[in-house]
Amino acid sequence: MNSQRFVTFLVVALPVLVVAFAVLMGGYALSVVAQDAAGARVLWWVAMVCIMLLVMNVILLVGLLGFEHLRRSSQQKTDFDQQA
C-alpha cells in the first residue's frame, strides 16, 4: 500500500470531518430550537458518527506518521552503516 497517498487522504479528510461535525451540530441546534425531535435525533447521531470518524482519523494519522518516521530513521541508519 502506498502510505504517502494514505497520509494525504487522512490529512485532507481531517478538516472535512471538522467542518462536517460543526455543520451537523449547527443543524442539530436549529432542530432543537424548531422543536423537531426526530430531526434533532438523526442529526445528533450522524454528528456522533462524524466525531468518531474524526478521532479514528487522528489516531490513524499519528500512528502512520510515527511508523513512517521509524522506517525512514532505520533506513538512514542502514545507509550510514553501509557507507562506513
PDB file of N, CA and C in Angstrom:
ATOM      1  N   MET A   1       0.838  -1.178   0.000  1.00  0.00           N
ATOM      2  CA  MET A   1       0.000   0.000   0.000  1.00  0.00           C
ATOM      3  C   MET A   1       0.880   1.236   0.000  1.00  0.00           C
ATOM      4  N   ASN A   2       0.477   2.219  -0.749  1.00  0.00           N
ATOM      5  CA  ASN A   2       1.233   3.454  -0.833  1.00  0.00           C
ATOM      6  C   ASN A   2       0.881   4.335   0.368  1.00  0.00           C
ATOM      7  N   SER A   3       1.787   4.425   1.313  1.00  0.00           N
ATOM      8  CA  SER A   3       1.486   5.143   2.551  1.00  0.00           C
ATOM      9  C   SER A   3       1.397   6.650   2.328  1.00  0.00           C
ATOM     10  N   GLN A   4       2.097   7.164   1.331  1.00  0.00           N
ATOM     11  CA  GLN A   4       2.045   8.600   1.065  1.00  0.00           C
ATOM     12  C   GLN A   4       0.635   9.021   0.641  1.00  0.00           C
ATOM     13  N   ARG A   5      -0.012   8.205  -0.172  1.00  0.00           N
ATOM     14  CA  ARG A   5      -1.385   8.504  -0.580  1.00  0.00           C
ATOM     15  C   ARG A   5      -2.342   8.422   0.603  1.00  0.00           C
ATOM     16  N   PHE A   6      -2.128   7.448   1.465  1.00  0.00           N
ATOM     17  CA  PHE A   6      -2.999   7.283   2.628  1.00  0.00           C
ATOM     18  C   PHE A   6      -2.844   8.458   3.589  1.00  0.00           C
ATOM     19  N   VAL A   7      -1.610   8.924   3.787  1.00  0.00           N
ATOM     20  CA  VAL A   7      -1.380  10.095   4.642  1.00  0.00           C
ATOM     21  C   VAL A   7      -2.061  11.316   4.034  1.00  0.00           C
ATOM     22  N   THR A   8      -1.951  11.477   2.722  1.00  0.00           N
ATOM     23  CA  THR A   8      -2.598  12.604   2.052  1.00  0.00           C
ATOM     24  C   THR A   8      -4.115  12.539   2.238  1.00  0.00           C
ATOM     25  N   PHE A   9      -4.673  11.345   2.094  1.00  0.00           N
ATOM     26  CA  PHE A   9      -6.111  11.171   2.302  1.00  0.00           C
ATOM     27  C   PHE A   9      -6.512  11.546   3.725  1.00  0.00           C
ATOM     28  N   LEU A  10      -5.743  11.086   4.709  1.00  0.00           N
ATOM     29  CA  LEU A  10      -6.070  11.388   6.103  1.00  0.00           C
ATOM     30  C   LEU A  10      -5.943  12.871   6.398  1.00  0.00           C
ATOM     31  N   VAL A  11      -4.944  13.521   5.831  1.00  0.00           N
ATOM     32  CA  VAL A  11      -4.747  14.955   6.077  1.00  0.00           C
ATOM     33  C   VAL A  11      -5.886  15.759   5.452  1.00  0.00           C
ATOM     34  N   VAL A  12      -6.320  15.380   4.261  1.00  0.00           N
ATOM     35  CA  VAL A  12      -7.426  16.087   3.616  1.00  0.00           C
ATOM     36  C   VAL A  12      -8.745  15.817   4.346  1.00  0.00           C
ATOM     37  N   ALA A  13      -8.928  14.605   4.822  1.00  0.00           N
ATOM     38  CA  ALA A  13     -10.172  14.249   5.499  1.00  0.00           C
ATOM     39  C   ALA A  13     -10.323  14.932   6.854  1.00  0.00           C
ATOM     40  N   LEU A  14      -9.216  15.321   7.463  1.00  0.00           N
ATOM     41  CA  LEU A  14      -9.282  15.920   8.804  1.00  0.00           C
ATOM     42  C   LEU A  14     -10.115  17.213   8.836  1.00  0.00           C
ATOM     43  N   PRO A  15      -9.790  18.229   8.024  1.00  0.00           N
ATOM     44  CA  PRO A  15     -10.635  19.437   8.078  1.00  0.00           C
ATOM     45  C   PRO A  15     -12.041  19.212   7.541  1.00  0.00           C
ATOM     46  N   VAL A  16     -12.193  18.280   6.612  1.00  0.00           N
ATOM     47  CA  VAL A  16     -13.531  17.978   6.095  1.00  0.00           C
ATOM     48  C   VAL A  16     -14.411  17.439   7.225  1.00  0.00           C
ATOM     49  N   LEU A  17     -13.869  16.547   8.035  1.00  0.00           N
ATOM     50  CA  LEU A  17     -14.640  15.997   9.150  1.00  0.00           C
ATOM     51  C   LEU A  17     -14.925  17.043  10.219  1.00  0.00           C
ATOM     52  N   VAL A  18     -13.979  17.938  10.453  1.00  0.00           N
ATOM     53  CA  VAL A  18     -14.207  19.006  11.442  1.00  0.00           C
ATOM     54  C   VAL A  18     -15.349  19.914  10.991  1.00  0.00           C
ATOM     55  N   VAL A  19     -15.323  20.308   9.722  1.00  0.00           N
ATOM     56  CA  VAL A  19     -16.380  21.179   9.195  1.00  0.00           C
ATOM     57  C   VAL A  19     -17.715  20.442   9.170  1.00  0.00           C
ATOM     58  N   ALA A  20     -17.704  19.175   8.776  1.00  0.00           N
ATOM     59  CA  ALA A  20     -18.946  18.401   8.755  1.00  0.00           C
ATOM     60  C   ALA A  20     -19.539  18.292  10.157  1.00  0.00           C
ATOM     61  N   PHE A  21     -18.687  18.065  11.152  1.00  0.00           N
ATOM     62  CA  PHE A  21     -19.179  17.976  12.520  1.00  0.00           C
ATOM     63  C   PHE A  21     -19.788  19.309  12.962  1.00  0.00           C
ATOM     64  N   ALA A  22     -19.130  20.412  12.641  1.00  0.00           N
ATOM     65  CA  ALA A  22     -19.647  21.728  13.022  1.00  0.00           C
ATOM     66  C   ALA A  22     -20.996  22.010  12.354  1.00  0.00           C
ATOM     67  N   VAL A  23     -21.116  21.681  11.091  1.00  0.00           N
ATOM     68  CA  VAL A  23     -22.376  21.916  10.374  1.00  0.00           C
ATOM     69  C   VAL A  23     -23.483  21.032  10.951  1.00  0.00           C
ATOM     70  N   LEU A  24     -23.167  19.780  11.235  1.00  0.00           N
ATOM     71  CA  LEU A  24     -24.179  18.887  11.800  1.00  0.00           C
ATOM     72  C   LEU A  24     -24.625  19.339  13.180  1.00  0.00           C
ATOM     73  N   MET A  25     -23.708  19.814  13.992  1.00  0.00           N
ATOM     74  CA  MET A  25     -24.100  20.292  15.319  1.00  0.00           C
ATOM     75  C   MET A  25     -24.919  21.585  15.215  1.00  0.00           C
ATOM     76  N   GLY A  26     -24.597  22.415  14.235  1.00  0.00           N
ATOM     77  CA  GLY A  26     -25.425  23.603  13.993  1.00  0.00           C
ATOM     78  C   GLY A  26     -26.830  23.227  13.568  1.00  0.00           C
ATOM     79  N   GLY A  27     -26.920  22.229  12.693  1.00  0.00           N
ATOM     80  CA  GLY A  27     -28.236  21.742  12.285  1.00  0.00           C
ATOM     81  C   GLY A  27     -28.994  21.126  13.446  1.00  0.00           C
ATOM     82  N   TYR A  28     -28.268  20.431  14.299  1.00  0.00           N
ATOM     83  CA  TYR A  28     -28.894  19.857  15.499  1.00  0.00           C
ATOM     84  C   TYR A  28     -29.469  20.962  16.382  1.00  0.00           C
ATOM     85  N   ALA A  29     -28.695  22.028  16.588  1.00  0.00           N
ATOM     86  CA  ALA A  29     -29.174  23.133  17.421  1.00  0.00           C
ATOM     87  C   ALA A  29     -30.418  23.786  16.811  1.00  0.00           C
ATOM     88  N   LEU A  30     -30.405  23.950  15.499  1.00  0.00           N
ATOM     89  CA  LEU A  30     -31.584  24.524  14.847  1.00  0.00           C
ATOM     90  C   LEU A  30     -32.791  23.600  14.975  1.00  0.00           C
ATOM     91  N   SER A  31     -32.577  22.303  14.891  1.00  0.00           N
ATOM     92  CA  SER A  31     -33.679  21.354  15.026  1.00  0.00           C
ATOM     93  C   SER A  31     -34.254  21.362  16.433  1.00  0.00           C
ATOM     94  N   VAL A  32     -33.382  21.501  17.414  1.00  0.00           N
ATOM     95  CA  VAL A  32     -33.857  21.572  18.799  1.00  0.00           C
ATOM     96  C   VAL A  32     -34.690  22.833  19.003  1.00  0.00           C
ATOM     97  N   VAL A  33     -34.207  23.959  18.483  1.00  0.00           N
ATOM     98  CA  VAL A  33     -34.942  25.219  18.627  1.00  0.00           C
ATOM     99  C   VAL A  33     -36.281  25.146  17.891  1.00  0.00           C
ATOM    100  N   ALA A  34     -36.297  24.477  16.743  1.00  0.00           N
ATOM    101  CA  ALA A  34     -37.532  24.343  15.965  1.00  0.00           C
ATOM    102  C   ALA A  34     -38.430  23.238  16.513  1.00  0.00           C
ATOM    103  N   GLN A  35     -38.005  22.573  17.577  1.00  0.00           N
ATOM    104  CA  GLN A  35     -38.758  21.504  18.237  1.00  0.00           C
ATOM    105  C   GLN A  35     -39.049  20.334  17.294  1.00  0.00           C
ATOM    106  N   ASP A  36     -38.049  20.006  16.466  1.00  0.00           N
ATOM    107  CA  ASP A  36     -38.140  18.843  15.587  1.00  0.00           C
ATOM    108  C   ASP A  36     -37.319  17.733  16.238  1.00  0.00           C
ATOM    109  N   ALA A  37     -37.988  16.928  17.066  1.00  0.00           N
ATOM    110  CA  ALA A  37     -37.288  15.913  17.859  1.00  0.00           C
ATOM    111  C   ALA A  37     -36.664  14.836  16.975  1.00  0.00           C
ATOM    112  N   ALA A  38     -37.376  14.391  15.958  1.00  0.00           N
ATOM    113  CA  ALA A  38     -36.851  13.324  15.093  1.00  0.00           C
ATOM    114  C   ALA A  38     -35.634  13.822  14.313  1.00  0.00           C
ATOM    115  N   GLY A  39     -35.725  15.004  13.746  1.00  0.00           N
ATOM    116  CA  GLY A  39     -34.593  15.576  13.004  1.00  0.00           C
ATOM    117  C   GLY A  39     -33.396  15.817  13.904  1.00  0.00           C
ATOM    118  N   ALA A  40     -33.660  16.292  15.120  1.00  0.00           N
ATOM    119  CA  ALA A  40     -32.576  16.540  16.065  1.00  0.00           C
ATOM    120  C   ALA A  40     -31.885  15.236  16.442  1.00  0.00           C
ATOM    121  N   ARG A  41     -32.648  14.183  16.633  1.00  0.00           N
ATOM    122  CA  ARG A  41     -32.069  12.888  16.998  1.00  0.00           C
ATOM    123  C   ARG A  41     -31.189  12.342  15.867  1.00  0.00           C
ATOM    124  N   VAL A  42     -31.680  12.445  14.634  1.00  0.00           N
ATOM    125  CA  VAL A  42     -30.898  11.966  13.491  1.00  0.00           C
ATOM    126  C   VAL A  42     -29.616  12.779  13.335  1.00  0.00           C
ATOM    127  N   LEU A  43     -29.728  14.095  13.425  1.00  0.00           N
ATOM    128  CA  LEU A  43     -28.533  14.945  13.296  1.00  0.00           C
ATOM    129  C   LEU A  43     -27.541  14.674  14.426  1.00  0.00           C
ATOM    130  N   TRP A  44     -28.039  14.418  15.617  1.00  0.00           N
ATOM    131  CA  TRP A  44     -27.164  14.112  16.744  1.00  0.00           C
ATOM    132  C   TRP A  44     -26.352  12.844  16.483  1.00  0.00           C
ATOM    133  N   TRP A  45     -27.024  11.789  16.025  1.00  0.00           N
ATOM    134  CA  TRP A  45     -26.318  10.522  15.797  1.00  0.00           C
ATOM    135  C   TRP A  45     -25.377  10.600  14.609  1.00  0.00           C
ATOM    136  N   VAL A  46     -25.748  11.325  13.577  1.00  0.00           N
ATOM    137  CA  VAL A  46     -24.834  11.495  12.439  1.00  0.00           C
ATOM    138  C   VAL A  46     -23.615  12.300  12.868  1.00  0.00           C
ATOM    139  N   ALA A  47     -23.813  13.315  13.721  1.00  0.00           N
ATOM    140  CA  ALA A  47     -22.684  14.087  14.236  1.00  0.00           C
ATOM    141  C   ALA A  47     -21.784  13.222  15.111  1.00  0.00           C
ATOM    142  N   MET A  48     -22.357  12.306  15.881  1.00  0.00           N
ATOM    143  CA  MET A  48     -21.546  11.421  16.714  1.00  0.00           C
ATOM    144  C   MET A  48     -20.725  10.462  15.856  1.00  0.00           C
ATOM    145  N   VAL A  49     -21.301   9.979  14.769  1.00  0.00           N
ATOM    146  CA  VAL A  49     -20.542   9.138  13.838  1.00  0.00           C
ATOM    147  C   VAL A  49     -19.396   9.954  13.240  1.00  0.00           C
ATOM    148  N   CYS A  50     -19.679  11.191  12.908  1.00  0.00           N
ATOM    149  CA  CYS A  50     -18.658  12.072  12.334  1.00  0.00           C
ATOM    150  C   CYS A  50     -17.519  12.311  13.334  1.00  0.00           C
ATOM    151  N   ILE A  51     -17.830  12.526  14.604  1.00  0.00           N
ATOM    152  CA  ILE A  51     -16.772  12.773  15.586  1.00  0.00           C
ATOM    153  C   ILE A  51     -15.976  11.492  15.849  1.00  0.00           C
ATOM    154  N   MET A  52     -16.640  10.327  15.762  1.00  0.00           N
ATOM    155  CA  MET A  52     -15.899   9.070  15.909  1.00  0.00           C
ATOM    156  C   MET A  52     -14.938   8.870  14.733  1.00  0.00           C
ATOM    157  N   LEU A  53     -15.395   9.196  13.537  1.00  0.00           N
ATOM    158  CA  LEU A  53     -14.513   9.122  12.370  1.00  0.00           C
ATOM    159  C   LEU A  53     -13.346  10.096  12.509  1.00  0.00           C
ATOM    160  N   LEU A  54     -13.607  11.259  13.071  1.00  0.00           N
ATOM    161  CA  LEU A  54     -12.552  12.247  13.286  1.00  0.00           C
ATOM    162  C   LEU A  54     -11.500  11.722  14.261  1.00  0.00           C
ATOM    163  N   VAL A  55     -11.935  11.103  15.332  1.00  0.00           N
ATOM    164  CA  VAL A  55     -10.997  10.544  16.306  1.00  0.00           C
ATOM    165  C   VAL A  55     -10.188   9.402  15.682  1.00  0.00           C
ATOM    166  N   MET A  56     -10.862   8.530  14.928  1.00  0.00           N
ATOM    167  CA  MET A  56     -10.136   7.445  14.259  1.00  0.00           C
ATOM    168  C   MET A  56      -9.138   7.996  13.241  1.00  0.00           C
ATOM    169  N   ASN A  57      -9.518   9.067  12.554  1.00  0.00           N
ATOM    170  CA  ASN A  57      -8.628   9.693  11.587  1.00  0.00           C
ATOM    171  C   ASN A  57      -7.365  10.204  12.265  1.00  0.00           C
ATOM    172  N   VAL A  58      -7.515  10.871  13.388  1.00  0.00           N
ATOM    173  CA  VAL A  58      -6.349  11.406  14.101  1.00  0.00           C
ATOM    174  C   VAL A  58      -5.454  10.271  14.608  1.00  0.00           C
ATOM    175  N   ILE A  59      -6.063   9.218  15.144  1.00  0.00           N
ATOM    176  CA  ILE A  59      -5.273   8.087  15.642  1.00  0.00           C
ATOM    177  C   ILE A  59      -4.507   7.427  14.497  1.00  0.00           C
ATOM    178  N   LEU A  60      -5.173   7.192  13.377  1.00  0.00           N
ATOM    179  CA  LEU A  60      -4.506   6.594  12.222  1.00  0.00           C
ATOM    180  C   LEU A  60      -3.397   7.494  11.687  1.00  0.00           C
ATOM    181  N   LEU A  61      -3.660   8.796  11.639  1.00  0.00           N
ATOM    182  CA  LEU A  61      -2.669   9.733  11.121  1.00  0.00           C
ATOM    183  C   LEU A  61      -1.426   9.774  12.000  1.00  0.00           C
ATOM    184  N   VAL A  62      -1.610   9.853  13.289  1.00  0.00           N
ATOM    185  CA  VAL A  62      -0.473   9.870  14.210  1.00  0.00           C
ATOM    186  C   VAL A  62       0.299   8.550  14.152  1.00  0.00           C
ATOM    187  N   GLY A  63      -0.422   7.442  14.126  1.00  0.00           N
ATOM    188  CA  GLY A  63       0.232   6.137  14.043  1.00  0.00           C
ATOM    189  C   GLY A  63       0.997   5.961  12.750  1.00  0.00           C
ATOM    190  N   LEU A  64       0.388   6.326  11.639  1.00  0.00           N
ATOM    191  CA  LEU A  64       1.045   6.172  10.342  1.00  0.00           C
ATOM    192  C   LEU A  64       2.262   7.078  10.227  1.00  0.00           C
ATOM    193  N   LEU A  65       2.144   8.302  10.701  1.00  0.00           N
ATOM    194  CA  LEU A  65       3.302   9.207  10.665  1.00  0.00           C
ATOM    195  C   LEU A  65       4.417   8.707  11.576  1.00  0.00           C
ATOM    196  N   GLY A  66       4.067   8.100  12.694  1.00  0.00           N
ATOM    197  CA  GLY A  66       5.079   7.520  13.578  1.00  0.00           C
ATOM    198  C   GLY A  66       5.809   6.361  12.929  1.00  0.00           C
ATOM    199  N   PHE A  67       5.048   5.469  12.280  1.00  0.00           N
ATOM    200  CA  PHE A  67       5.679   4.345  11.584  1.00  0.00           C
ATOM    201  C   PHE A  67       6.546   4.820  10.422  1.00  0.00           C
ATOM    202  N   GLU A  68       6.085   5.857   9.704  1.00  0.00           N
ATOM    203  CA  GLU A  68       6.887   6.416   8.604  1.00  0.00           C
ATOM    204  C   GLU A  68       8.205   6.968   9.141  1.00  0.00           C
ATOM    205  N   HIS A  69       8.139   7.659  10.269  1.00  0.00           N
ATOM    206  CA  HIS A  69       9.355   8.219  10.857  1.00  0.00           C
ATOM    207  C   HIS A  69      10.319   7.105  11.263  1.00  0.00           C
ATOM    208  N   LEU A  70       9.793   6.056  11.890  1.00  0.00           N
ATOM    209  CA  LEU A  70      10.650   4.934  12.284  1.00  0.00           C
ATOM    210  C   LEU A  70      11.274   4.254  11.076  1.00  0.00           C
ATOM    211  N   ARG A  71      10.495   4.089  10.002  1.00  0.00           N
ATOM    212  CA  ARG A  71      11.009   3.453   8.798  1.00  0.00           C
ATOM    213  C   ARG A  71      12.119   4.293   8.166  1.00  0.00           C
ATOM    214  N   ARG A  72      11.891   5.591   8.067  1.00  0.00           N
ATOM    215  CA  ARG A  72      12.907   6.467   7.470  1.00  0.00           C
ATOM    216  C   ARG A  72      14.157   6.550   8.343  1.00  0.00           C
ATOM    217  N   SER A  73      13.957   6.566   9.648  1.00  0.00           N
ATOM    218  CA  SER A  73      15.100   6.637  10.557  1.00  0.00           C
ATOM    219  C   SER A  73      15.940   5.370  10.478  1.00  0.00           C
ATOM    220  N   SER A  74      15.300   4.202  10.404  1.00  0.00           N
ATOM    221  CA  SER A  74      16.066   2.956  10.295  1.00  0.00           C
ATOM    222  C   SER A  74      16.721   2.845   8.922  1.00  0.00           C
ATOM    223  N   GLN A  75      16.074   3.374   7.895  1.00  0.00           N
ATOM    224  CA  GLN A  75      16.656   3.349   6.554  1.00  0.00           C
ATOM    225  C   GLN A  75      17.888   4.250   6.489  1.00  0.00           C
ATOM    226  N   GLN A  76      17.839   5.408   7.129  1.00  0.00           N
ATOM    227  CA  GLN A  76      19.007   6.299   7.155  1.00  0.00           C
ATOM    228  C   GLN A  76      20.133   5.661   7.945  1.00  0.00           C
ATOM    229  N   LYS A  77      19.803   4.925   9.008  1.00  0.00           N
ATOM    230  CA  LYS A  77      20.825   4.274   9.815  1.00  0.00           C
ATOM    231  C   LYS A  77      21.522   3.200   8.997  1.00  0.00           C
ATOM    232  N   THR A  78      20.762   2.401   8.220  1.00  0.00           N
ATOM    233  CA  THR A  78      21.395   1.363   7.409  1.00  0.00           C
ATOM    234  C   THR A  78      22.189   1.981   6.269  1.00  0.00           C
ATOM    235  N   ASP A  79      21.756   3.096   5.719  1.00  0.00           N
ATOM    236  CA  ASP A  79      22.531   3.789   4.693  1.00  0.00           C
ATOM    237  C   ASP A  79      23.851   4.283   5.274  1.00  0.00           C
ATOM    238  N   PHE A  80      23.821   4.783   6.491  1.00  0.00           N
ATOM    239  CA  PHE A  80      25.029   5.272   7.149  1.00  0.00           C
ATOM    240  C   PHE A  80      25.983   4.125   7.429  1.00  0.00           C
ATOM    241  N   ASP A  81      25.435   2.974   7.866  1.00  0.00           N
ATOM    242  CA  ASP A  81      26.283   1.794   8.149  1.00  0.00           C
ATOM    243  C   ASP A  81      26.947   1.267   6.875  1.00  0.00           C
ATOM    244  N   GLN A  82      26.233   1.337   5.758  1.00  0.00           N
ATOM    245  CA  GLN A  82      26.812   0.843   4.500  1.00  0.00           C
ATOM    246  C   GLN A  82      27.929   1.750   4.005  1.00  0.00           C
ATOM    247  N   GLN A  83      27.843   3.044   4.284  1.00  0.00           N
ATOM    248  CA  GLN A  83      28.876   3.990   3.842  1.00  0.00           C
ATOM    249  C   GLN A  83      30.150   3.844   4.671  1.00  0.00           C
ATOM    250  N   ALA A  84      30.016   3.447   5.920  1.00  0.00           N
ATOM    251  CA  ALA A  84      31.175   3.363   6.802  1.00  0.00           C
ATOM    252  C   ALA A  84      31.986   2.123   6.600  1.00  0.00           C
TER     253      ALA A  84
END
